[in-house]
Amino acid sequence: MVVVFDAELWIWDVRRADSWTFVSLPVGASEDIRDLATGFARGFGSLRARVTVGDSVWKTSIFPDSARGSYVLPIKRAVRAAEGIAAGDSTTVTVELIDL
């Protein structure tokens, strides 16, 4: 399954000092992923993914966030620096779920 979307980067309130920066997948896509993910989820309900933002491609995991009603994707510091993006900026993200 591949999801392409535009999203605003945000900092996780619980770990603001650590600058954990995320984007939220669209709610509709997250519902589809939840329906397909039975038996594939790993720790914390995570799912392995290959992600593209600009010219950066990496493997990571997406995580369910019940407060937002969607999956969230961490955007690591090296990617933010390479792509010139920061919290509050919007970017196009491609998420390819590896195990589904």
N, C-alpha and C. Protein backbone atom coordinates (compact mmCIF):
# COMPACT_ATOMS: atom_id res chain seq x y z
N MET A 1 0.85 -1.18 0.00
CA MET A 1 0.00 0.00 0.00
C MET A 1 0.89 1.24 0.00
N VAL A 2 0.55 2.20 -0.85
CA VAL A 2 1.29 3.46 -0.95
C VAL A 2 0.32 4.61 -0.70
N VAL A 3 0.75 5.56 0.13
CA VAL A 3 -0.06 6.75 0.43
C VAL A 3 0.80 7.97 0.14
N VAL A 4 0.29 8.87 -0.71
CA VAL A 4 0.98 10.12 -1.01
C VAL A 4 0.09 11.25 -0.50
N PHE A 5 0.67 12.17 0.27
CA PHE A 5 -0.13 13.22 0.87
C PHE A 5 0.75 14.42 1.21
N ASP A 6 0.10 15.56 1.39
CA ASP A 6 0.77 16.77 1.89
C ASP A 6 0.42 16.91 3.36
N ALA A 7 1.42 17.27 4.17
CA ALA A 7 1.17 17.40 5.60
C ALA A 7 2.10 18.44 6.21
N GLU A 8 1.64 19.01 7.32
CA GLU A 8 2.44 19.97 8.08
C GLU A 8 3.23 19.23 9.15
N LEU A 9 4.50 19.57 9.28
CA LEU A 9 5.33 18.98 10.33
C LEU A 9 4.96 19.58 11.67
N TRP A 10 4.92 18.74 12.70
CA TRP A 10 4.59 19.21 14.05
C TRP A 10 5.50 18.52 15.06
N ILE A 11 5.65 19.17 16.21
CA ILE A 11 6.50 18.64 17.28
C ILE A 11 5.62 17.99 18.33
N TRP A 12 6.00 16.80 18.74
CA TRP A 12 5.26 16.05 19.75
C TRP A 12 5.36 16.80 21.07
N ASP A 13 4.22 17.22 21.62
CA ASP A 13 4.17 18.03 22.84
C ASP A 13 4.85 17.37 24.03
N VAL A 14 4.74 16.05 24.14
CA VAL A 14 5.30 15.35 25.29
C VAL A 14 6.83 15.42 25.30
N ARG A 15 7.45 15.51 24.13
CA ARG A 15 8.91 15.50 24.03
C ARG A 15 9.42 16.76 23.32
N ARG A 16 8.83 17.92 23.57
CA ARG A 16 9.21 19.14 22.87
C ARG A 16 10.69 19.45 22.99
N ALA A 17 11.28 19.19 24.15
CA ALA A 17 12.70 19.49 24.34
C ALA A 17 13.59 18.64 23.43
N ASP A 18 13.09 17.47 23.04
CA ASP A 18 13.87 16.58 22.18
C ASP A 18 13.61 16.82 20.69
N SER A 19 12.66 17.70 20.37
CA SER A 19 12.31 18.05 18.99
C SER A 19 11.89 16.85 18.16
N TRP A 20 11.09 15.96 18.73
CA TRP A 20 10.54 14.86 17.96
C TRP A 20 9.53 15.46 16.98
N THR A 21 9.82 15.38 15.70
CA THR A 21 9.01 16.02 14.67
C THR A 21 8.30 14.96 13.83
N PHE A 22 7.02 15.17 13.60
CA PHE A 22 6.17 14.19 12.92
C PHE A 22 5.33 14.86 11.85
N VAL A 23 4.73 14.02 10.99
CA VAL A 23 3.59 14.39 10.17
C VAL A 23 2.50 13.36 10.46
N SER A 24 1.26 13.76 10.28
CA SER A 24 0.12 12.85 10.46
C SER A 24 -0.36 12.39 9.09
N LEU A 25 -0.56 11.09 8.96
CA LEU A 25 -1.15 10.58 7.74
C LEU A 25 -2.62 10.99 7.71
N PRO A 26 -3.22 11.09 6.54
CA PRO A 26 -4.64 11.44 6.46
C PRO A 26 -5.49 10.42 7.21
N VAL A 27 -6.56 10.88 7.82
CA VAL A 27 -7.43 10.01 8.62
C VAL A 27 -8.00 8.88 7.77
N GLY A 28 -8.48 9.18 6.57
CA GLY A 28 -9.04 8.14 5.71
C GLY A 28 -8.04 7.06 5.37
N ALA A 29 -6.83 7.45 5.02
CA ALA A 29 -5.77 6.48 4.71
C ALA A 29 -5.43 5.69 5.96
N SER A 30 -5.41 6.35 7.12
CA SER A 30 -5.11 5.66 8.38
C SER A 30 -6.16 4.60 8.68
N GLU A 31 -7.42 4.90 8.40
CA GLU A 31 -8.48 3.91 8.61
C GLU A 31 -8.28 2.71 7.70
N ASP A 32 -7.91 2.96 6.42
CA ASP A 32 -7.63 1.87 5.49
C ASP A 32 -6.46 1.02 5.98
N ILE A 33 -5.42 1.69 6.46
CA ILE A 33 -4.24 0.98 6.96
C ILE A 33 -4.62 0.11 8.16
N ARG A 34 -5.39 0.67 9.09
CA ARG A 34 -5.83 -0.11 10.27
C ARG A 34 -6.57 -1.37 9.84
N ASP A 35 -7.43 -1.24 8.82
CA ASP A 35 -8.20 -2.38 8.34
C ASP A 35 -7.29 -3.48 7.77
N LEU A 36 -6.21 -3.08 7.12
CA LEU A 36 -5.30 -4.03 6.49
C LEU A 36 -4.22 -4.55 7.42
N ALA A 37 -3.97 -3.87 8.53
CA ALA A 37 -2.80 -4.14 9.36
C ALA A 37 -2.95 -5.27 10.36
N THR A 38 -4.12 -5.85 10.47
CA THR A 38 -4.33 -6.91 11.45
C THR A 38 -3.30 -8.02 11.24
N GLY A 39 -2.55 -8.31 12.31
CA GLY A 39 -1.54 -9.35 12.25
C GLY A 39 -0.17 -8.89 11.79
N PHE A 40 -0.07 -7.64 11.30
CA PHE A 40 1.20 -7.13 10.81
C PHE A 40 1.85 -6.13 11.76
N ALA A 41 1.07 -5.56 12.67
CA ALA A 41 1.59 -4.51 13.55
C ALA A 41 2.65 -5.08 14.48
N ARG A 42 3.62 -4.23 14.79
CA ARG A 42 4.72 -4.59 15.68
C ARG A 42 4.55 -3.80 16.97
N GLY A 43 5.63 -3.60 17.74
CA GLY A 43 5.57 -2.88 19.00
C GLY A 43 4.87 -1.54 18.87
N PHE A 44 4.04 -1.19 19.84
CA PHE A 44 3.27 0.05 19.88
C PHE A 44 2.31 0.17 18.71
N GLY A 45 2.02 -0.95 18.01
CA GLY A 45 1.13 -0.91 16.86
C GLY A 45 1.79 -0.38 15.61
N SER A 46 3.13 -0.33 15.61
CA SER A 46 3.86 0.26 14.49
C SER A 46 3.85 -0.64 13.26
N LEU A 47 4.03 -0.02 12.12
CA LEU A 47 4.13 -0.71 10.84
C LEU A 47 5.36 -0.19 10.10
N ARG A 48 6.12 -1.11 9.52
CA ARG A 48 7.32 -0.70 8.79
C ARG A 48 6.96 -0.02 7.48
N ALA A 49 7.74 1.01 7.13
CA ALA A 49 7.44 1.79 5.93
C ALA A 49 8.71 2.30 5.27
N ARG A 50 8.63 2.47 3.96
CA ARG A 50 9.66 3.17 3.18
C ARG A 50 9.06 4.54 2.88
N VAL A 51 9.80 5.59 3.18
CA VAL A 51 9.26 6.95 3.10
C VAL A 51 10.10 7.79 2.15
N THR A 52 9.42 8.65 1.39
CA THR A 52 10.10 9.61 0.53
C THR A 52 9.59 11.01 0.86
N VAL A 53 10.52 11.92 1.10
CA VAL A 53 10.24 13.35 1.25
C VAL A 53 11.28 14.06 0.40
N GLY A 54 10.83 14.72 -0.65
CA GLY A 54 11.78 15.37 -1.55
C GLY A 54 12.71 14.32 -2.15
N ASP A 55 14.03 14.54 -2.03
CA ASP A 55 15.03 13.60 -2.54
C ASP A 55 15.45 12.57 -1.49
N SER A 56 14.91 12.66 -0.28
CA SER A 56 15.29 11.76 0.81
C SER A 56 14.38 10.54 0.85
N VAL A 57 14.99 9.37 0.94
CA VAL A 57 14.27 8.10 1.04
C VAL A 57 14.87 7.33 2.21
N TRP A 58 14.03 6.80 3.09
CA TRP A 58 14.54 6.03 4.23
C TRP A 58 13.47 5.05 4.70
N LYS A 59 13.90 4.09 5.52
CA LYS A 59 12.97 3.14 6.14
C LYS A 59 12.77 3.53 7.60
N THR A 60 11.54 3.42 8.04
CA THR A 60 11.17 3.77 9.40
C THR A 60 9.88 3.04 9.74
N SER A 61 9.16 3.51 10.71
CA SER A 61 7.85 2.95 11.06
C SER A 61 6.86 4.08 11.25
N ILE A 62 5.59 3.76 11.00
CA ILE A 62 4.51 4.68 11.35
C ILE A 62 3.85 4.12 12.61
N PHE A 63 3.23 5.01 13.39
CA PHE A 63 2.66 4.63 14.68
C PHE A 63 1.23 5.15 14.79
N PRO A 64 0.33 4.35 15.37
CA PRO A 64 -1.04 4.86 15.57
C PRO A 64 -1.05 5.93 16.67
N ASP A 65 -1.82 6.97 16.45
CA ASP A 65 -1.98 8.05 17.43
C ASP A 65 -3.48 8.21 17.68
N SER A 66 -3.95 7.68 18.80
CA SER A 66 -5.39 7.72 19.08
C SER A 66 -5.90 9.14 19.27
N ALA A 67 -5.06 10.05 19.75
CA ALA A 67 -5.49 11.43 19.96
C ALA A 67 -5.81 12.11 18.63
N ARG A 68 -5.07 11.78 17.58
CA ARG A 68 -5.28 12.39 16.26
C ARG A 68 -6.17 11.53 15.37
N GLY A 69 -6.36 10.28 15.75
CA GLY A 69 -7.17 9.39 14.93
C GLY A 69 -6.49 8.99 13.64
N SER A 70 -5.15 9.02 13.65
CA SER A 70 -4.40 8.67 12.44
C SER A 70 -3.06 8.06 12.82
N TYR A 71 -2.37 7.56 11.82
CA TYR A 71 -0.99 7.16 12.03
C TYR A 71 -0.11 8.39 11.93
N VAL A 72 1.02 8.35 12.64
CA VAL A 72 1.98 9.44 12.57
C VAL A 72 3.32 8.88 12.12
N LEU A 73 4.09 9.75 11.48
CA LEU A 73 5.37 9.39 10.91
C LEU A 73 6.44 10.33 11.44
N PRO A 74 7.49 9.80 12.08
CA PRO A 74 8.57 10.67 12.51
C PRO A 74 9.41 11.10 11.31
N ILE A 75 9.76 12.37 11.29
CA ILE A 75 10.64 12.91 10.24
C ILE A 75 11.96 13.23 10.92
N LYS A 76 12.99 12.42 10.66
CA LYS A 76 14.23 12.56 11.39
C LYS A 76 14.98 13.84 11.02
N ARG A 77 15.81 14.28 11.93
CA ARG A 77 16.55 15.54 11.81
C ARG A 77 17.35 15.61 10.51
N ALA A 78 18.01 14.52 10.13
CA ALA A 78 18.83 14.53 8.91
C ALA A 78 17.97 14.81 7.67
N VAL A 79 16.77 14.28 7.64
CA VAL A 79 15.86 14.52 6.51
C VAL A 79 15.40 15.97 6.53
N ARG A 80 15.03 16.47 7.70
CA ARG A 80 14.57 17.88 7.79
C ARG A 80 15.68 18.81 7.31
N ALA A 81 16.92 18.54 7.70
CA ALA A 81 18.04 19.38 7.29
C ALA A 81 18.28 19.27 5.78
N ALA A 82 18.29 18.05 5.26
CA ALA A 82 18.55 17.84 3.84
C ALA A 82 17.48 18.48 2.96
N GLU A 83 16.24 18.48 3.43
CA GLU A 83 15.12 19.00 2.64
C GLU A 83 14.77 20.44 2.98
N GLY A 84 15.44 21.01 3.98
CA GLY A 84 15.19 22.41 4.35
C GLY A 84 13.79 22.63 4.90
N ILE A 85 13.31 21.67 5.71
CA ILE A 85 11.98 21.80 6.29
C ILE A 85 12.06 21.77 7.81
N ALA A 86 11.06 22.35 8.45
CA ALA A 86 11.02 22.41 9.92
C ALA A 86 9.57 22.36 10.37
N ALA A 87 9.37 22.20 11.66
CA ALA A 87 8.02 22.20 12.22
C ALA A 87 7.26 23.43 11.74
N GLY A 88 6.02 23.22 11.32
CA GLY A 88 5.20 24.30 10.78
C GLY A 88 5.20 24.35 9.27
N ASP A 89 6.21 23.74 8.63
CA ASP A 89 6.27 23.68 7.17
C ASP A 89 5.41 22.53 6.67
N SER A 90 4.91 22.65 5.44
CA SER A 90 4.19 21.56 4.79
C SER A 90 5.09 20.93 3.75
N THR A 91 4.93 19.63 3.56
CA THR A 91 5.72 18.91 2.57
C THR A 91 4.91 17.76 2.00
N THR A 92 5.32 17.27 0.85
CA THR A 92 4.70 16.10 0.26
C THR A 92 5.44 14.87 0.74
N VAL A 93 4.66 13.87 1.17
CA VAL A 93 5.22 12.65 1.76
C VAL A 93 4.66 11.44 1.01
N THR A 94 5.52 10.49 0.72
CA THR A 94 5.09 9.20 0.18
C THR A 94 5.44 8.13 1.21
N VAL A 95 4.45 7.36 1.63
CA VAL A 95 4.64 6.27 2.57
C VAL A 95 4.26 4.98 1.88
N GLU A 96 5.21 4.07 1.77
CA GLU A 96 4.96 2.74 1.21
C GLU A 96 5.08 1.74 2.35
N LEU A 97 3.98 1.10 2.69
CA LEU A 97 4.01 0.12 3.77
C LEU A 97 4.69 -1.14 3.29
N ILE A 98 5.68 -1.59 4.02
CA ILE A 98 6.53 -2.69 3.58
C ILE A 98 5.85 -4.04 3.75
N ASP A 99 5.15 -4.25 4.84
CA ASP A 99 4.62 -5.57 5.15
C ASP A 99 3.20 -5.84 4.68
N LEU A 100 2.52 -4.82 4.17
CA LEU A 100 1.11 -5.02 3.76
C LEU A 100 1.02 -5.32 2.28
